[in-house]
Amino acid sequence: MPELLPWRWFPKLVLRHLTGSISTATRTTGLRITNSMIRKLKSGEYRLYSRKKNAKTGKRRNLGTFPSLDKAEAHERAVQYFKRH
């Protein structure tokens, strides 16, 4: 199996084929494609944002700041589980 490259190295055409759209936040984790709103801050931490924008402000809600990408992804999974159960 070929080694997976970081998400930002994928050509936009490949991302469009795999996800149906192009998103700067689209990332591969293993064999799964996730469309998350995790951004790296200048401080080196990662911030999780809501997927939907606030209609009044046009901004996304801050759902937490985490020291590592793994912890931010784990919290995102917890948020998604909570939304559906």
N, C-alpha and C. Protein backbone atom coordinates (compact mmCIF):
# COMPACT_ATOMS: atom_id res chain seq x y z
N MET A 1 0.84 -1.18 0.00
CA MET A 1 0.00 0.00 0.00
C MET A 1 0.89 1.25 0.00
N PRO A 2 0.64 2.21 -0.86
CA PRO A 2 1.49 3.40 -0.91
C PRO A 2 1.32 4.24 0.36
N GLU A 3 2.37 4.92 0.69
CA GLU A 3 2.36 5.79 1.88
C GLU A 3 1.43 6.98 1.63
N LEU A 4 0.60 7.31 2.63
CA LEU A 4 -0.31 8.45 2.49
C LEU A 4 0.43 9.75 2.71
N LEU A 5 0.15 10.72 1.89
CA LEU A 5 0.79 12.02 2.00
C LEU A 5 -0.09 12.95 2.83
N PRO A 6 0.51 13.97 3.45
CA PRO A 6 -0.33 14.94 4.17
C PRO A 6 -1.35 15.56 3.24
N TRP A 7 -2.49 15.98 3.82
CA TRP A 7 -3.64 16.46 3.03
C TRP A 7 -3.30 17.63 2.13
N ARG A 8 -2.39 18.50 2.52
CA ARG A 8 -2.12 19.69 1.71
C ARG A 8 -1.31 19.37 0.46
N TRP A 9 -0.77 18.16 0.36
CA TRP A 9 -0.01 17.77 -0.82
C TRP A 9 -0.88 17.17 -1.90
N PHE A 10 -2.13 16.85 -1.58
CA PHE A 10 -3.01 16.28 -2.59
C PHE A 10 -3.39 17.34 -3.61
N PRO A 11 -3.32 17.00 -4.89
CA PRO A 11 -3.80 17.96 -5.89
C PRO A 11 -5.30 18.19 -5.71
N LYS A 12 -5.74 19.39 -6.05
CA LYS A 12 -7.15 19.74 -5.89
C LYS A 12 -8.04 18.81 -6.69
N LEU A 13 -7.57 18.35 -7.83
CA LEU A 13 -8.38 17.46 -8.66
C LEU A 13 -8.64 16.14 -7.93
N VAL A 14 -7.62 15.62 -7.24
CA VAL A 14 -7.79 14.37 -6.50
C VAL A 14 -8.77 14.58 -5.35
N LEU A 15 -8.65 15.71 -4.63
CA LEU A 15 -9.58 15.99 -3.54
C LEU A 15 -11.00 16.14 -4.06
N ARG A 16 -11.17 16.77 -5.21
CA ARG A 16 -12.51 16.92 -5.79
C ARG A 16 -13.07 15.54 -6.12
N HIS A 17 -12.24 14.65 -6.65
CA HIS A 17 -12.71 13.32 -7.00
C HIS A 17 -13.09 12.52 -5.75
N LEU A 18 -12.30 12.63 -4.69
CA LEU A 18 -12.54 11.84 -3.49
C LEU A 18 -13.69 12.39 -2.65
N THR A 19 -13.86 13.70 -2.60
CA THR A 19 -14.83 14.29 -1.68
C THR A 19 -16.03 14.91 -2.38
N GLY A 20 -15.95 15.15 -3.68
CA GLY A 20 -17.04 15.80 -4.38
C GLY A 20 -16.93 17.30 -4.36
N SER A 21 -16.01 17.84 -3.57
CA SER A 21 -15.80 19.28 -3.53
C SER A 21 -14.36 19.55 -3.10
N ILE A 22 -13.95 20.80 -3.23
CA ILE A 22 -12.61 21.20 -2.81
C ILE A 22 -12.75 22.01 -1.54
N SER A 23 -12.05 21.62 -0.51
CA SER A 23 -12.06 22.34 0.75
C SER A 23 -10.65 22.40 1.28
N THR A 24 -10.24 23.56 1.78
CA THR A 24 -8.89 23.67 2.34
C THR A 24 -8.78 22.88 3.63
N ALA A 25 -9.91 22.53 4.24
CA ALA A 25 -9.87 21.79 5.49
C ALA A 25 -10.02 20.28 5.28
N THR A 26 -10.06 19.82 4.03
CA THR A 26 -10.20 18.40 3.77
C THR A 26 -8.88 17.71 4.05
N ARG A 27 -8.92 16.63 4.81
CA ARG A 27 -7.70 15.98 5.25
C ARG A 27 -7.92 14.47 5.21
N THR A 28 -6.87 13.72 4.90
CA THR A 28 -6.99 12.27 4.94
C THR A 28 -6.47 11.78 6.27
N THR A 29 -7.22 10.91 6.90
CA THR A 29 -6.77 10.26 8.13
C THR A 29 -6.92 8.77 7.89
N GLY A 30 -5.81 8.09 7.66
CA GLY A 30 -5.86 6.69 7.28
C GLY A 30 -6.45 6.58 5.89
N LEU A 31 -7.51 5.83 5.75
CA LEU A 31 -8.19 5.71 4.47
C LEU A 31 -9.47 6.53 4.44
N ARG A 32 -9.72 7.32 5.50
CA ARG A 32 -10.94 8.09 5.64
C ARG A 32 -10.69 9.54 5.25
N ILE A 33 -11.66 10.19 4.63
CA ILE A 33 -11.57 11.61 4.32
C ILE A 33 -12.51 12.34 5.27
N THR A 34 -11.99 13.31 5.99
CA THR A 34 -12.84 14.07 6.91
C THR A 34 -12.88 15.52 6.46
N ASN A 35 -14.01 16.13 6.60
CA ASN A 35 -14.14 17.54 6.28
C ASN A 35 -14.32 18.28 7.61
N SER A 36 -13.22 18.58 8.26
CA SER A 36 -13.27 19.17 9.59
C SER A 36 -12.88 20.63 9.54
N MET A 37 -13.16 21.30 10.62
CA MET A 37 -12.81 22.71 10.73
C MET A 37 -11.75 22.87 11.82
N ILE A 38 -10.62 22.23 11.64
CA ILE A 38 -9.51 22.35 12.58
C ILE A 38 -8.44 23.19 11.89
N ARG A 39 -8.03 24.25 12.57
CA ARG A 39 -7.01 25.14 12.00
C ARG A 39 -5.84 25.26 12.95
N LYS A 40 -4.65 25.36 12.40
CA LYS A 40 -3.45 25.52 13.22
C LYS A 40 -3.23 27.01 13.47
N LEU A 41 -3.01 27.35 14.74
CA LEU A 41 -2.79 28.74 15.13
C LEU A 41 -1.30 29.06 15.08
N LYS A 42 -0.97 30.34 15.11
CA LYS A 42 0.43 30.76 15.09
C LYS A 42 1.18 30.25 16.31
N SER A 43 0.47 30.04 17.41
CA SER A 43 1.09 29.56 18.65
C SER A 43 1.45 28.07 18.57
N GLY A 44 1.00 27.38 17.50
CA GLY A 44 1.28 25.97 17.34
C GLY A 44 0.14 25.09 17.82
N GLU A 45 -0.86 25.68 18.45
CA GLU A 45 -2.02 24.92 18.92
C GLU A 45 -3.02 24.77 17.78
N TYR A 46 -4.01 23.93 18.01
CA TYR A 46 -5.04 23.68 17.00
C TYR A 46 -6.39 24.09 17.56
N ARG A 47 -7.19 24.75 16.73
CA ARG A 47 -8.51 25.20 17.16
C ARG A 47 -9.58 24.54 16.32
N LEU A 48 -10.61 24.07 17.02
CA LEU A 48 -11.75 23.42 16.37
C LEU A 48 -12.87 24.44 16.24
N TYR A 49 -13.39 24.60 15.02
CA TYR A 49 -14.47 25.54 14.75
C TYR A 49 -15.72 24.77 14.33
N SER A 50 -16.86 25.38 14.53
CA SER A 50 -18.13 24.82 14.09
C SER A 50 -18.13 24.73 12.57
N ARG A 51 -18.83 23.75 12.03
CA ARG A 51 -18.90 23.61 10.57
C ARG A 51 -19.81 24.67 9.96
N LYS A 52 -20.81 25.11 10.72
CA LYS A 52 -21.74 26.10 10.20
C LYS A 52 -21.35 27.50 10.65
N LYS A 53 -21.61 28.47 9.80
CA LYS A 53 -21.36 29.87 10.14
C LYS A 53 -22.58 30.46 10.83
N ASN A 54 -22.34 31.39 11.76
CA ASN A 54 -23.42 32.13 12.40
C ASN A 54 -24.03 33.07 11.35
N ALA A 55 -25.34 33.05 11.21
CA ALA A 55 -26.00 33.85 10.18
C ALA A 55 -25.80 35.35 10.42
N LYS A 56 -25.78 35.78 11.69
CA LYS A 56 -25.64 37.22 11.99
C LYS A 56 -24.21 37.72 11.79
N THR A 57 -23.25 36.98 12.32
CA THR A 57 -21.87 37.47 12.30
C THR A 57 -21.07 36.96 11.11
N GLY A 58 -21.49 35.82 10.53
CA GLY A 58 -20.75 35.24 9.43
C GLY A 58 -19.49 34.50 9.87
N LYS A 59 -19.34 34.30 11.18
CA LYS A 59 -18.17 33.61 11.73
C LYS A 59 -18.56 32.24 12.26
N ARG A 60 -17.54 31.40 12.45
CA ARG A 60 -17.76 30.07 12.99
C ARG A 60 -17.51 30.09 14.49
N ARG A 61 -18.25 29.25 15.22
CA ARG A 61 -18.11 29.19 16.68
C ARG A 61 -16.84 28.43 17.06
N ASN A 62 -16.10 28.94 18.04
CA ASN A 62 -14.91 28.29 18.55
C ASN A 62 -15.35 27.14 19.46
N LEU A 63 -14.95 25.91 19.11
CA LEU A 63 -15.32 24.74 19.91
C LEU A 63 -14.17 24.23 20.76
N GLY A 64 -13.10 24.99 20.85
CA GLY A 64 -12.00 24.60 21.72
C GLY A 64 -10.64 24.73 21.06
N THR A 65 -9.62 24.90 21.90
CA THR A 65 -8.24 24.99 21.46
C THR A 65 -7.47 23.84 22.11
N PHE A 66 -6.64 23.14 21.32
CA PHE A 66 -5.99 21.92 21.79
C PHE A 66 -4.50 21.96 21.45
N PRO A 67 -3.67 21.32 22.29
CA PRO A 67 -2.23 21.35 22.05
C PRO A 67 -1.77 20.51 20.87
N SER A 68 -2.56 19.49 20.49
CA SER A 68 -2.15 18.64 19.37
C SER A 68 -3.33 18.39 18.43
N LEU A 69 -3.01 18.03 17.21
CA LEU A 69 -4.02 17.73 16.20
C LEU A 69 -4.83 16.49 16.60
N ASP A 70 -4.16 15.50 17.20
CA ASP A 70 -4.86 14.28 17.62
C ASP A 70 -5.95 14.59 18.65
N LYS A 71 -5.65 15.47 19.61
CA LYS A 71 -6.64 15.82 20.62
C LYS A 71 -7.79 16.62 20.02
N ALA A 72 -7.49 17.48 19.05
CA ALA A 72 -8.54 18.25 18.39
C ALA A 72 -9.46 17.32 17.59
N GLU A 73 -8.89 16.34 16.90
CA GLU A 73 -9.70 15.39 16.14
C GLU A 73 -10.53 14.52 17.07
N ALA A 74 -9.97 14.13 18.21
CA ALA A 74 -10.73 13.33 19.18
C ALA A 74 -11.91 14.13 19.71
N HIS A 75 -11.71 15.41 19.98
CA HIS A 75 -12.81 16.25 20.47
C HIS A 75 -13.86 16.44 19.38
N GLU A 76 -13.42 16.56 18.13
CA GLU A 76 -14.39 16.70 17.04
C GLU A 76 -15.27 15.46 16.94
N ARG A 77 -14.67 14.28 17.10
CA ARG A 77 -15.46 13.04 17.08
C ARG A 77 -16.45 13.02 18.24
N ALA A 78 -16.03 13.50 19.41
CA ALA A 78 -16.93 13.56 20.56
C ALA A 78 -18.09 14.52 20.30
N VAL A 79 -17.80 15.65 19.67
CA VAL A 79 -18.85 16.62 19.34
C VAL A 79 -19.85 16.00 18.36
N GLN A 80 -19.34 15.31 17.32
CA GLN A 80 -20.22 14.69 16.34
C GLN A 80 -21.07 13.59 16.98
N TYR A 81 -20.48 12.82 17.91
CA TYR A 81 -21.24 11.78 18.60
C TYR A 81 -22.35 12.42 19.43
N PHE A 82 -22.01 13.48 20.15
CA PHE A 82 -23.00 14.16 21.00
C PHE A 82 -24.16 14.72 20.17
N LYS A 83 -23.86 15.22 18.98
CA LYS A 83 -24.90 15.79 18.14
C LYS A 83 -25.91 14.74 17.67
N ARG A 84 -25.46 13.50 17.55
CA ARG A 84 -26.31 12.46 16.99
C ARG A 84 -26.89 11.49 18.01
N HIS A 85 -26.56 11.64 19.30
CA HIS A 85 -27.08 10.73 20.33
C HIS A 85 -27.73 11.48 21.47
